[in-house]
Amino acid sequence: MAGRILINFAREVRQDGAAPVVVVFGRRAEVVALSRGEPKSYQPLLDWLAREDVPTIDVTDDLARQALRTGDAELFAQQQHYSEEGNAVVAATLARRVPALVGGACDPCR
């Protein structure tokens, strides 16, 4: 169901002349599992989005790499929200990856 919703979202965004980007924000359990070398439970969704040519950024990979350096506790605050450090990882990931995915779609926004 989520895959269909995201694929339809991407189609609608493209029809409106914009560039769709789906961002996957991993939960703490997913970050910990990935940092331990376990596979992503949602990999089939990522594969489906790739087959449908839906640009996707999974910030979980960068969070897992940071968890290996600092521990996962540093990345999460109360009630499983990202901490300041976790948000910094997400922001750096998006700043690095979004421009290549949207091309010139955001140029008029400047």
PDB file of N, CA and C in Angstrom:
ATOM      1  N   MET A   1       0.823  -1.193   0.000  1.00  0.00           N
ATOM      2  CA  MET A   1       0.000   0.000   0.000  1.00  0.00           C
ATOM      3  C   MET A   1       0.869   1.260   0.000  1.00  0.00           C
ATOM      4  N   ALA A   2       1.884   1.308   0.874  1.00  0.00           N
ATOM      5  CA  ALA A   2       2.741   2.490   0.938  1.00  0.00           C
ATOM      6  C   ALA A   2       3.435   2.721  -0.391  1.00  0.00           C
ATOM      7  N   GLY A   3       3.865   1.645  -1.029  1.00  0.00           N
ATOM      8  CA  GLY A   3       4.538   1.769  -2.317  1.00  0.00           C
ATOM      9  C   GLY A   3       3.650   2.419  -3.352  1.00  0.00           C
ATOM     10  N   ARG A   4       2.411   1.992  -3.438  1.00  0.00           N
ATOM     11  CA  ARG A   4       1.477   2.583  -4.408  1.00  0.00           C
ATOM     12  C   ARG A   4       1.247   4.063  -4.140  1.00  0.00           C
ATOM     13  N   ILE A   5       1.110   4.398  -2.877  1.00  0.00           N
ATOM     14  CA  ILE A   5       0.897   5.803  -2.497  1.00  0.00           C
ATOM     15  C   ILE A   5       2.098   6.641  -2.915  1.00  0.00           C
ATOM     16  N   LEU A   6       3.301   6.149  -2.639  1.00  0.00           N
ATOM     17  CA  LEU A   6       4.504   6.903  -2.978  1.00  0.00           C
ATOM     18  C   LEU A   6       4.713   7.014  -4.485  1.00  0.00           C
ATOM     19  N   ILE A   7       4.413   5.954  -5.204  1.00  0.00           N
ATOM     20  CA  ILE A   7       4.539   5.975  -6.666  1.00  0.00           C
ATOM     21  C   ILE A   7       3.535   6.953  -7.264  1.00  0.00           C
ATOM     22  N   ASN A   8       2.305   6.938  -6.776  1.00  0.00           N
ATOM     23  CA  ASN A   8       1.299   7.890  -7.266  1.00  0.00           C
ATOM     24  C   ASN A   8       1.680   9.327  -6.910  1.00  0.00           C
ATOM     25  N   PHE A   9       2.235   9.507  -5.717  1.00  0.00           N
ATOM     26  CA  PHE A   9       2.734  10.824  -5.309  1.00  0.00           C
ATOM     27  C   PHE A   9       3.773  11.312  -6.318  1.00  0.00           C
ATOM     28  N   ALA A  10       4.736  10.467  -6.641  1.00  0.00           N
ATOM     29  CA  ALA A  10       5.802  10.854  -7.569  1.00  0.00           C
ATOM     30  C   ALA A  10       5.228  11.216  -8.939  1.00  0.00           C
ATOM     31  N   ARG A  11       4.271  10.451  -9.399  1.00  0.00           N
ATOM     32  CA  ARG A  11       3.646  10.742 -10.695  1.00  0.00           C
ATOM     33  C   ARG A  11       2.942  12.095 -10.684  1.00  0.00           C
ATOM     34  N   GLU A  12       2.205  12.369  -9.624  1.00  0.00           N
ATOM     35  CA  GLU A  12       1.484  13.642  -9.512  1.00  0.00           C
ATOM     36  C   GLU A  12       2.449  14.815  -9.447  1.00  0.00           C
ATOM     37  N   VAL A  13       3.525  14.640  -8.691  1.00  0.00           N
ATOM     38  CA  VAL A  13       4.519  15.714  -8.577  1.00  0.00           C
ATOM     39  C   VAL A  13       5.136  15.997  -9.933  1.00  0.00           C
ATOM     40  N   ARG A  14       5.471  14.940 -10.682  1.00  0.00           N
ATOM     41  CA  ARG A  14       6.045  15.125 -12.023  1.00  0.00           C
ATOM     42  C   ARG A  14       5.050  15.812 -12.957  1.00  0.00           C
ATOM     43  N   GLN A  15       3.768  15.432 -12.856  1.00  0.00           N
ATOM     44  CA  GLN A  15       2.747  16.058 -13.699  1.00  0.00           C
ATOM     45  C   GLN A  15       2.627  17.552 -13.402  1.00  0.00           C
ATOM     46  N   ASP A  16       2.919  17.921 -12.160  1.00  0.00           N
ATOM     47  CA  ASP A  16       2.871  19.326 -11.770  1.00  0.00           C
ATOM     48  C   ASP A  16       4.150  20.073 -12.147  1.00  0.00           C
ATOM     49  N   GLY A  17       5.102  19.368 -12.766  1.00  0.00           N
ATOM     50  CA  GLY A  17       6.334  19.999 -13.202  1.00  0.00           C
ATOM     51  C   GLY A  17       7.427  20.092 -12.163  1.00  0.00           C
ATOM     52  N   ALA A  18       7.272  19.377 -11.080  1.00  0.00           N
ATOM     53  CA  ALA A  18       8.278  19.403 -10.021  1.00  0.00           C
ATOM     54  C   ALA A  18       9.021  18.072  -9.976  1.00  0.00           C
ATOM     55  N   ALA A  19      10.011  18.004  -9.120  1.00  0.00           N
ATOM     56  CA  ALA A  19      10.829  16.801  -8.987  1.00  0.00           C
ATOM     57  C   ALA A  19      10.498  16.104  -7.664  1.00  0.00           C
ATOM     58  N   PRO A  20       9.953  14.899  -7.728  1.00  0.00           N
ATOM     59  CA  PRO A  20       9.628  14.188  -6.493  1.00  0.00           C
ATOM     60  C   PRO A  20      10.873  13.579  -5.855  1.00  0.00           C
ATOM     61  N   VAL A  21      10.895  13.566  -4.546  1.00  0.00           N
ATOM     62  CA  VAL A  21      11.929  12.868  -3.794  1.00  0.00           C
ATOM     63  C   VAL A  21      11.255  12.267  -2.568  1.00  0.00           C
ATOM     64  N   VAL A  22      11.398  10.959  -2.409  1.00  0.00           N
ATOM     65  CA  VAL A  22      10.892  10.278  -1.221  1.00  0.00           C
ATOM     66  C   VAL A  22      12.060  10.144  -0.250  1.00  0.00           C
ATOM     67  N   VAL A  23      11.843  10.516   0.999  1.00  0.00           N
ATOM     68  CA  VAL A  23      12.873  10.397   2.016  1.00  0.00           C
ATOM     69  C   VAL A  23      12.413   9.370   3.051  1.00  0.00           C
ATOM     70  N   VAL A  24      13.272   8.397   3.314  1.00  0.00           N
ATOM     71  CA  VAL A  24      12.990   7.356   4.305  1.00  0.00           C
ATOM     72  C   VAL A  24      13.782   7.695   5.563  1.00  0.00           C
ATOM     73  N   PHE A  25      13.061   7.866   6.664  1.00  0.00           N
ATOM     74  CA  PHE A  25      13.661   8.176   7.958  1.00  0.00           C
ATOM     75  C   PHE A  25      13.598   6.929   8.829  1.00  0.00           C
ATOM     76  N   GLY A  26      14.727   6.270   9.007  1.00  0.00           N
ATOM     77  CA  GLY A  26      14.761   5.046   9.791  1.00  0.00           C
ATOM     78  C   GLY A  26      14.491   5.269  11.260  1.00  0.00           C
ATOM     79  N   ARG A  27      13.793   4.325  11.835  1.00  0.00           N
ATOM     80  CA  ARG A  27      13.571   4.347  13.279  1.00  0.00           C
ATOM     81  C   ARG A  27      14.810   3.809  13.981  1.00  0.00           C
ATOM     82  N   ARG A  28      14.853   3.980  15.282  1.00  0.00           N
ATOM     83  CA  ARG A  28      16.029   3.560  16.050  1.00  0.00           C
ATOM     84  C   ARG A  28      16.330   2.078  15.841  1.00  0.00           C
ATOM     85  N   ALA A  29      15.328   1.234  15.886  1.00  0.00           N
ATOM     86  CA  ALA A  29      15.554  -0.205  15.716  1.00  0.00           C
ATOM     87  C   ALA A  29      16.161  -0.503  14.348  1.00  0.00           C
ATOM     88  N   GLU A  30      15.749   0.232  13.338  1.00  0.00           N
ATOM     89  CA  GLU A  30      16.281   0.018  11.988  1.00  0.00           C
ATOM     90  C   GLU A  30      17.716   0.510  11.884  1.00  0.00           C
ATOM     91  N   VAL A  31      18.009   1.630  12.534  1.00  0.00           N
ATOM     92  CA  VAL A  31      19.377   2.154  12.538  1.00  0.00           C
ATOM     93  C   VAL A  31      20.303   1.165  13.239  1.00  0.00           C
ATOM     94  N   VAL A  32      19.881   0.655  14.380  1.00  0.00           N
ATOM     95  CA  VAL A  32      20.698  -0.298  15.133  1.00  0.00           C
ATOM     96  C   VAL A  32      20.909  -1.572  14.323  1.00  0.00           C
ATOM     97  N   ALA A  33      19.843  -2.101  13.753  1.00  0.00           N
ATOM     98  CA  ALA A  33      19.958  -3.331  12.958  1.00  0.00           C
ATOM     99  C   ALA A  33      20.913  -3.136  11.789  1.00  0.00           C
ATOM    100  N   LEU A  34      20.773  -2.037  11.083  1.00  0.00           N
ATOM    101  CA  LEU A  34      21.631  -1.777   9.927  1.00  0.00           C
ATOM    102  C   LEU A  34      23.085  -1.601  10.354  1.00  0.00           C
ATOM    103  N   SER A  35      23.307  -0.945  11.483  1.00  0.00           N
ATOM    104  CA  SER A  35      24.676  -0.753  11.963  1.00  0.00           C
ATOM    105  C   SER A  35      25.313  -2.078  12.371  1.00  0.00           C
ATOM    106  N   ARG A  36      24.495  -3.071  12.624  1.00  0.00           N
ATOM    107  CA  ARG A  36      24.984  -4.423  12.972  1.00  0.00           C
ATOM    108  C   ARG A  36      25.093  -5.319  11.740  1.00  0.00           C
ATOM    109  N   GLY A  37      24.847  -4.738  10.583  1.00  0.00           N
ATOM    110  CA  GLY A  37      24.980  -5.504   9.350  1.00  0.00           C
ATOM    111  C   GLY A  37      23.746  -6.278   8.944  1.00  0.00           C
ATOM    112  N   GLU A  38      22.642  -6.067   9.632  1.00  0.00           N
ATOM    113  CA  GLU A  38      21.400  -6.755   9.286  1.00  0.00           C
ATOM    114  C   GLU A  38      20.762  -6.080   8.071  1.00  0.00           C
ATOM    115  N   PRO A  39      20.013  -6.833   7.284  1.00  0.00           N
ATOM    116  CA  PRO A  39      19.372  -6.238   6.105  1.00  0.00           C
ATOM    117  C   PRO A  39      18.198  -5.334   6.507  1.00  0.00           C
ATOM    118  N   LYS A  40      17.833  -4.459   5.596  1.00  0.00           N
ATOM    119  CA  LYS A  40      16.701  -3.568   5.826  1.00  0.00           C
ATOM    120  C   LYS A  40      15.405  -4.350   5.647  1.00  0.00           C
ATOM    121  N   SER A  41      14.528  -4.247   6.612  1.00  0.00           N
ATOM    122  CA  SER A  41      13.236  -4.939   6.513  1.00  0.00           C
ATOM    123  C   SER A  41      12.375  -4.343   5.406  1.00  0.00           C
ATOM    124  N   TYR A  42      12.634  -3.106   5.050  1.00  0.00           N
ATOM    125  CA  TYR A  42      11.833  -2.411   4.037  1.00  0.00           C
ATOM    126  C   TYR A  42      12.545  -2.376   2.678  1.00  0.00           C
ATOM    127  N   GLN A  43      13.570  -3.196   2.493  1.00  0.00           N
ATOM    128  CA  GLN A  43      14.297  -3.221   1.226  1.00  0.00           C
ATOM    129  C   GLN A  43      13.385  -3.494   0.024  1.00  0.00           C
ATOM    130  N   PRO A  44      12.383  -4.373   0.149  1.00  0.00           N
ATOM    131  CA  PRO A  44      11.485  -4.565  -1.001  1.00  0.00           C
ATOM    132  C   PRO A  44      10.792  -3.268  -1.443  1.00  0.00           C
ATOM    133  N   LEU A  45      10.442  -2.412  -0.507  1.00  0.00           N
ATOM    134  CA  LEU A  45       9.844  -1.122  -0.860  1.00  0.00           C
ATOM    135  C   LEU A  45      10.853  -0.263  -1.610  1.00  0.00           C
ATOM    136  N   LEU A  46      12.083  -0.200  -1.125  1.00  0.00           N
ATOM    137  CA  LEU A  46      13.116   0.580  -1.805  1.00  0.00           C
ATOM    138  C   LEU A  46      13.351   0.055  -3.222  1.00  0.00           C
ATOM    139  N   ASP A  47      13.361  -1.258  -3.368  1.00  0.00           N
ATOM    140  CA  ASP A  47      13.554  -1.865  -4.693  1.00  0.00           C
ATOM    141  C   ASP A  47      12.408  -1.505  -5.628  1.00  0.00           C
ATOM    142  N   TRP A  48      11.196  -1.548  -5.120  1.00  0.00           N
ATOM    143  CA  TRP A  48      10.011  -1.209  -5.912  1.00  0.00           C
ATOM    144  C   TRP A  48      10.075   0.253  -6.373  1.00  0.00           C
ATOM    145  N   LEU A  49      10.414   1.146  -5.447  1.00  0.00           N
ATOM    146  CA  LEU A  49      10.521   2.555  -5.810  1.00  0.00           C
ATOM    147  C   LEU A  49      11.601   2.761  -6.874  1.00  0.00           C
ATOM    148  N   ALA A  50      12.703   2.048  -6.758  1.00  0.00           N
ATOM    149  CA  ALA A  50      13.768   2.152  -7.755  1.00  0.00           C
ATOM    150  C   ALA A  50      13.287   1.662  -9.117  1.00  0.00           C
ATOM    151  N   ARG A  51      12.563   0.551  -9.142  1.00  0.00           N
ATOM    152  CA  ARG A  51      12.029   0.031 -10.411  1.00  0.00           C
ATOM    153  C   ARG A  51      11.065   1.018 -11.059  1.00  0.00           C
ATOM    154  N   GLU A  52      10.347   1.768 -10.244  1.00  0.00           N
ATOM    155  CA  GLU A  52       9.384   2.751 -10.743  1.00  0.00           C
ATOM    156  C   GLU A  52      10.026   4.119 -10.965  1.00  0.00           C
ATOM    157  N   ASP A  53      11.349   4.182 -10.822  1.00  0.00           N
ATOM    158  CA  ASP A  53      12.110   5.406 -11.048  1.00  0.00           C
ATOM    159  C   ASP A  53      11.664   6.545 -10.137  1.00  0.00           C
ATOM    160  N   VAL A  54      11.425   6.226  -8.874  1.00  0.00           N
ATOM    161  CA  VAL A  54      11.066   7.229  -7.874  1.00  0.00           C
ATOM    162  C   VAL A  54      12.336   7.562  -7.083  1.00  0.00           C
ATOM    163  N   PRO A  55      12.854   8.775  -7.220  1.00  0.00           N
ATOM    164  CA  PRO A  55      14.054   9.145  -6.476  1.00  0.00           C
ATOM    165  C   PRO A  55      13.822   9.009  -4.977  1.00  0.00           C
ATOM    166  N   THR A  56      14.718   8.298  -4.322  1.00  0.00           N
ATOM    167  CA  THR A  56      14.551   7.989  -2.900  1.00  0.00           C
ATOM    168  C   THR A  56      15.864   8.202  -2.171  1.00  0.00           C
ATOM    169  N   ILE A  57      15.770   8.825  -1.014  1.00  0.00           N
ATOM    170  CA  ILE A  57      16.917   8.982  -0.124  1.00  0.00           C
ATOM    171  C   ILE A  57      16.574   8.260   1.167  1.00  0.00           C
ATOM    172  N   ASP A  58      17.392   7.298   1.537  1.00  0.00           N
ATOM    173  CA  ASP A  58      17.211   6.585   2.794  1.00  0.00           C
ATOM    174  C   ASP A  58      18.278   7.082   3.759  1.00  0.00           C
ATOM    175  N   VAL A  59      17.902   7.958   4.676  1.00  0.00           N
ATOM    176  CA  VAL A  59      18.872   8.527   5.613  1.00  0.00           C
ATOM    177  C   VAL A  59      19.338   7.509   6.651  1.00  0.00           C
ATOM    178  N   THR A  60      18.692   6.365   6.704  1.00  0.00           N
ATOM    179  CA  THR A  60      19.040   5.325   7.668  1.00  0.00           C
ATOM    180  C   THR A  60      20.479   4.864   7.484  1.00  0.00           C
ATOM    181  N   ASP A  61      20.949   4.813   6.241  1.00  0.00           N
ATOM    182  CA  ASP A  61      22.328   4.388   5.986  1.00  0.00           C
ATOM    183  C   ASP A  61      23.332   5.305   6.685  1.00  0.00           C
ATOM    184  N   ASP A  62      23.133   6.608   6.547  1.00  0.00           N
ATOM    185  CA  ASP A  62      24.052   7.551   7.174  1.00  0.00           C
ATOM    186  C   ASP A  62      23.914   7.546   8.697  1.00  0.00           C
ATOM    187  N   LEU A  63      22.706   7.368   9.177  1.00  0.00           N
ATOM    188  CA  LEU A  63      22.511   7.264  10.625  1.00  0.00           C
ATOM    189  C   LEU A  63      23.205   6.017  11.181  1.00  0.00           C
ATOM    190  N   ALA A  64      23.134   4.916  10.453  1.00  0.00           N
ATOM    191  CA  ALA A  64      23.784   3.682  10.901  1.00  0.00           C
ATOM    192  C   ALA A  64      25.299   3.840  10.921  1.00  0.00           C
ATOM    193  N   ARG A  65      25.851   4.510   9.911  1.00  0.00           N
ATOM    194  CA  ARG A  65      27.304   4.752   9.909  1.00  0.00           C
ATOM    195  C   ARG A  65      27.706   5.616  11.096  1.00  0.00           C
ATOM    196  N   GLN A  66      26.896   6.632  11.395  1.00  0.00           N
ATOM    197  CA  GLN A  66      27.193   7.479  12.549  1.00  0.00           C
ATOM    198  C   GLN A  66      27.042   6.694  13.846  1.00  0.00           C
ATOM    199  N   ALA A  67      26.077   5.803  13.910  1.00  0.00           N
ATOM    200  CA  ALA A  67      25.877   4.987  15.107  1.00  0.00           C
ATOM    201  C   ALA A  67      27.100   4.120  15.380  1.00  0.00           C
ATOM    202  N   LEU A  68      27.772   3.678  14.348  1.00  0.00           N
ATOM    203  CA  LEU A  68      29.002   2.904  14.533  1.00  0.00           C
ATOM    204  C   LEU A  68      30.092   3.753  15.171  1.00  0.00           C
ATOM    205  N   ARG A  69      30.089   5.053  14.875  1.00  0.00           N
ATOM    206  CA  ARG A  69      31.111   5.949  15.429  1.00  0.00           C
ATOM    207  C   ARG A  69      30.768   6.421  16.840  1.00  0.00           C
ATOM    208  N   THR A  70      29.502   6.768  17.065  1.00  0.00           N
ATOM    209  CA  THR A  70      29.145   7.423  18.333  1.00  0.00           C
ATOM    210  C   THR A  70      28.190   6.615  19.200  1.00  0.00           C
ATOM    211  N   GLY A  71      27.594   5.586  18.630  1.00  0.00           N
ATOM    212  CA  GLY A  71      26.545   4.851  19.332  1.00  0.00           C
ATOM    213  C   GLY A  71      25.184   5.411  18.963  1.00  0.00           C
ATOM    214  N   ASP A  72      24.187   4.564  18.982  1.00  0.00           N
ATOM    215  CA  ASP A  72      22.854   5.007  18.571  1.00  0.00           C
ATOM    216  C   ASP A  72      22.206   5.940  19.583  1.00  0.00           C
ATOM    217  N   ALA A  73      22.601   5.854  20.854  1.00  0.00           N
ATOM    218  CA  ALA A  73      21.988   6.711  21.873  1.00  0.00           C
ATOM    219  C   ALA A  73      22.210   8.188  21.575  1.00  0.00           C
ATOM    220  N   GLU A  74      23.327   8.502  20.925  1.00  0.00           N
ATOM    221  CA  GLU A  74      23.630   9.893  20.592  1.00  0.00           C
ATOM    222  C   GLU A  74      22.724  10.440  19.483  1.00  0.00           C
ATOM    223  N   LEU A  75      22.095   9.549  18.731  1.00  0.00           N
ATOM    224  CA  LEU A  75      21.306   9.962  17.575  1.00  0.00           C
ATOM    225  C   LEU A  75      19.821  10.131  17.865  1.00  0.00           C
ATOM    226  N   PHE A  76      19.398   9.669  19.031  1.00  0.00           N
ATOM    227  CA  PHE A  76      17.973   9.677  19.350  1.00  0.00           C
ATOM    228  C   PHE A  76      17.715  10.370  20.674  1.00  0.00           C
ATOM    229  N   ALA A  77      16.621  11.115  20.713  1.00  0.00           N
ATOM    230  CA  ALA A  77      16.190  11.820  21.914  1.00  0.00           C
ATOM    231  C   ALA A  77      15.004  11.070  22.520  1.00  0.00           C
ATOM    232  N   GLN A  78      14.251  11.749  23.327  1.00  0.00           N
ATOM    233  CA  GLN A  78      13.091  11.140  23.964  1.00  0.00           C
ATOM    234  C   GLN A  78      12.064  10.695  22.936  1.00  0.00           C
ATOM    235  N   GLN A  79      11.356   9.654  23.263  1.00  0.00           N
ATOM    236  CA  GLN A  79      10.258   9.126  22.452  1.00  0.00           C
ATOM    237  C   GLN A  79      10.699   8.810  21.021  1.00  0.00           C
ATOM    238  N   GLN A  80      11.953   8.407  20.892  1.00  0.00           N
ATOM    239  CA  GLN A  80      12.518   7.924  19.634  1.00  0.00           C
ATOM    240  C   GLN A  80      12.670   8.967  18.540  1.00  0.00           C
ATOM    241  N   HIS A  81      12.475  10.237  18.859  1.00  0.00           N
ATOM    242  CA  HIS A  81      12.752  11.291  17.880  1.00  0.00           C
ATOM    243  C   HIS A  81      14.255  11.395  17.704  1.00  0.00           C
ATOM    244  N   TYR A  82      14.686  11.956  16.581  1.00  0.00           N
ATOM    245  CA  TYR A  82      16.111  12.190  16.398  1.00  0.00           C
ATOM    246  C   TYR A  82      16.580  13.280  17.359  1.00  0.00           C
ATOM    247  N   SER A  83      17.794  13.114  17.838  1.00  0.00           N
ATOM    248  CA  SER A  83      18.418  14.131  18.687  1.00  0.00           C
ATOM    249  C   SER A  83      18.997  15.217  17.791  1.00  0.00           C
ATOM    250  N   GLU A  84      19.625  16.188  18.396  1.00  0.00           N
ATOM    251  CA  GLU A  84      20.294  17.231  17.616  1.00  0.00           C
ATOM    252  C   GLU A  84      21.345  16.604  16.694  1.00  0.00           C
ATOM    253  N   GLU A  85      22.099  15.652  17.207  1.00  0.00           N
ATOM    254  CA  GLU A  85      23.110  14.986  16.376  1.00  0.00           C
ATOM    255  C   GLU A  85      22.464  14.169  15.260  1.00  0.00           C
ATOM    256  N   GLY A  86      21.375  13.471  15.569  1.00  0.00           N
ATOM    257  CA  GLY A  86      20.666  12.723  14.534  1.00  0.00           C
ATOM    258  C   GLY A  86      20.117  13.638  13.457  1.00  0.00           C
ATOM    259  N   ASN A  87      19.550  14.757  13.866  1.00  0.00           N
ATOM    260  CA  ASN A  87      19.041  15.732  12.888  1.00  0.00           C
ATOM    261  C   ASN A  87      20.166  16.314  12.042  1.00  0.00           C
ATOM    262  N   ALA A  88      21.338  16.484  12.637  1.00  0.00           N
ATOM    263  CA  ALA A  88      22.483  16.997  11.876  1.00  0.00           C
ATOM    264  C   ALA A  88      22.901  15.994  10.802  1.00  0.00           C
ATOM    265  N   VAL A  89      22.856  14.711  11.121  1.00  0.00           N
ATOM    266  CA  VAL A  89      23.177  13.676  10.134  1.00  0.00           C
ATOM    267  C   VAL A  89      22.160  13.721   8.995  1.00  0.00           C
ATOM    268  N   VAL A  90      20.884  13.815   9.339  1.00  0.00           N
ATOM    269  CA  VAL A  90      19.827  13.888   8.322  1.00  0.00           C
ATOM    270  C   VAL A  90      20.016  15.123   7.446  1.00  0.00           C
ATOM    271  N   ALA A  91      20.259  16.270   8.058  1.00  0.00           N
ATOM    272  CA  ALA A  91      20.425  17.510   7.298  1.00  0.00           C
ATOM    273  C   ALA A  91      21.616  17.419   6.342  1.00  0.00           C
ATOM    274  N   ALA A  92      22.718  16.871   6.811  1.00  0.00           N
ATOM    275  CA  ALA A  92      23.904  16.734   5.956  1.00  0.00           C
ATOM    276  C   ALA A  92      23.625  15.782   4.791  1.00  0.00           C
ATOM    277  N   THR A  93      22.917  14.705   5.069  1.00  0.00           N
ATOM    278  CA  THR A  93      22.579  13.742   4.019  1.00  0.00           C
ATOM    279  C   THR A  93      21.698  14.396   2.961  1.00  0.00           C
ATOM    280  N   LEU A  94      20.666  15.102   3.400  1.00  0.00           N
ATOM    281  CA  LEU A  94      19.756  15.745   2.450  1.00  0.00           C
ATOM    282  C   LEU A  94      20.466  16.852   1.662  1.00  0.00           C
ATOM    283  N   ALA A  95      21.304  17.634   2.342  1.00  0.00           N
ATOM    284  CA  ALA A  95      22.026  18.706   1.654  1.00  0.00           C
ATOM    285  C   ALA A  95      22.948  18.142   0.576  1.00  0.00           C
ATOM    286  N   ARG A  96      23.506  16.985   0.825  1.00  0.00           N
ATOM    287  CA  ARG A  96      24.413  16.359  -0.129  1.00  0.00           C
ATOM    288  C   ARG A  96      23.674  15.684  -1.281  1.00  0.00           C
ATOM    289  N   ARG A  97      22.518  15.089  -1.012  1.00  0.00           N
ATOM    290  CA  ARG A  97      21.873  14.239  -2.015  1.00  0.00           C
ATOM    291  C   ARG A  97      20.717  14.880  -2.773  1.00  0.00           C
ATOM    292  N   VAL A  98      19.985  15.794  -2.157  1.00  0.00           N
ATOM    293  CA  VAL A  98      18.806  16.361  -2.818  1.00  0.00           C
ATOM    294  C   VAL A  98      19.154  17.126  -4.096  1.00  0.00           C
ATOM    295  N   PRO A  99      20.170  17.992  -4.102  1.00  0.00           N
ATOM    296  CA  PRO A  99      20.417  18.767  -5.325  1.00  0.00           C
ATOM    297  C   PRO A  99      20.592  17.913  -6.580  1.00  0.00           C
ATOM    298  N   ALA A 100      21.260  16.796  -6.473  1.00  0.00           N
ATOM    299  CA  ALA A 100      21.466  15.931  -7.640  1.00  0.00           C
ATOM    300  C   ALA A 100      20.158  15.294  -8.111  1.00  0.00           C
ATOM    301  N   LEU A 101      19.228  15.095  -7.195  1.00  0.00           N
ATOM    302  CA  LEU A 101      17.968  14.453  -7.551  1.00  0.00           C
ATOM    303  C   LEU A 101      16.946  15.409  -8.149  1.00  0.00           C
ATOM    304  N   VAL A 102      17.015  16.663  -7.771  1.00  0.00           N
ATOM    305  CA  VAL A 102      16.008  17.609  -8.264  1.00  0.00           C
ATOM    306  C   VAL A 102      16.511  18.452  -9.420  1.00  0.00           C
ATOM    307  N   GLY A 103      17.796  18.385  -9.698  1.00  0.00           N
ATOM    308  CA  GLY A 103      18.345  19.152 -10.819  1.00  0.00           C
ATOM    309  C   GLY A 103      18.008  20.609 -10.700  1.00  0.00           C
ATOM    310  N   GLY A 104      17.490  21.184 -11.754  1.00  0.00           N
ATOM    311  CA  GLY A 104      17.133  22.592 -11.769  1.00  0.00           C
ATOM    312  C   GLY A 104      15.747  22.886 -11.246  1.00  0.00           C
ATOM    313  N   ALA A 105      15.053  21.880 -10.730  1.00  0.00           N
ATOM    314  CA  ALA A 105      13.667  22.068 -10.313  1.00  0.00           C
ATOM    315  C   ALA A 105      13.519  23.124  -9.223  1.00  0.00           C
ATOM    316  N   CYS A 106      14.559  23.355  -8.460  1.00  0.00           N
ATOM    317  CA  CYS A 106      14.449  24.334  -7.373  1.00  0.00           C
ATOM    318  C   CYS A 106      15.107  25.662  -7.692  1.00  0.00           C
ATOM    319  N   ASP A 107      15.703  25.815  -8.855  1.00  0.00           N
ATOM    320  CA  ASP A 107      16.374  27.073  -9.196  1.00  0.00           C
ATOM    321  C   ASP A 107      15.485  28.305  -9.037  1.00  0.00           C
ATOM    322  N   PRO A 108      14.194  28.260  -9.455  1.00  0.00           N
ATOM    323  CA  PRO A 108      13.350  29.450  -9.284  1.00  0.00           C
ATOM    324  C   PRO A 108      13.099  29.782  -7.819  1.00  0.00           C
ATOM    325  N   CYS A 109      13.341  28.831  -6.919  1.00  0.00           N
ATOM    326  CA  CYS A 109      13.094  29.065  -5.494  1.00  0.00           C
ATOM    327  C   CYS A 109      14.166  29.963  -4.876  1.00  0.00           C
ATOM    328  N   ARG A 110      15.264  30.140  -5.540  1.00  0.00           N
ATOM    329  CA  ARG A 110      16.383  30.912  -4.957  1.00  0.00           C
ATOM    330  C   ARG A 110      16.175  32.377  -5.070  1.00  0.00           C
TER     331      ARG A 110
END
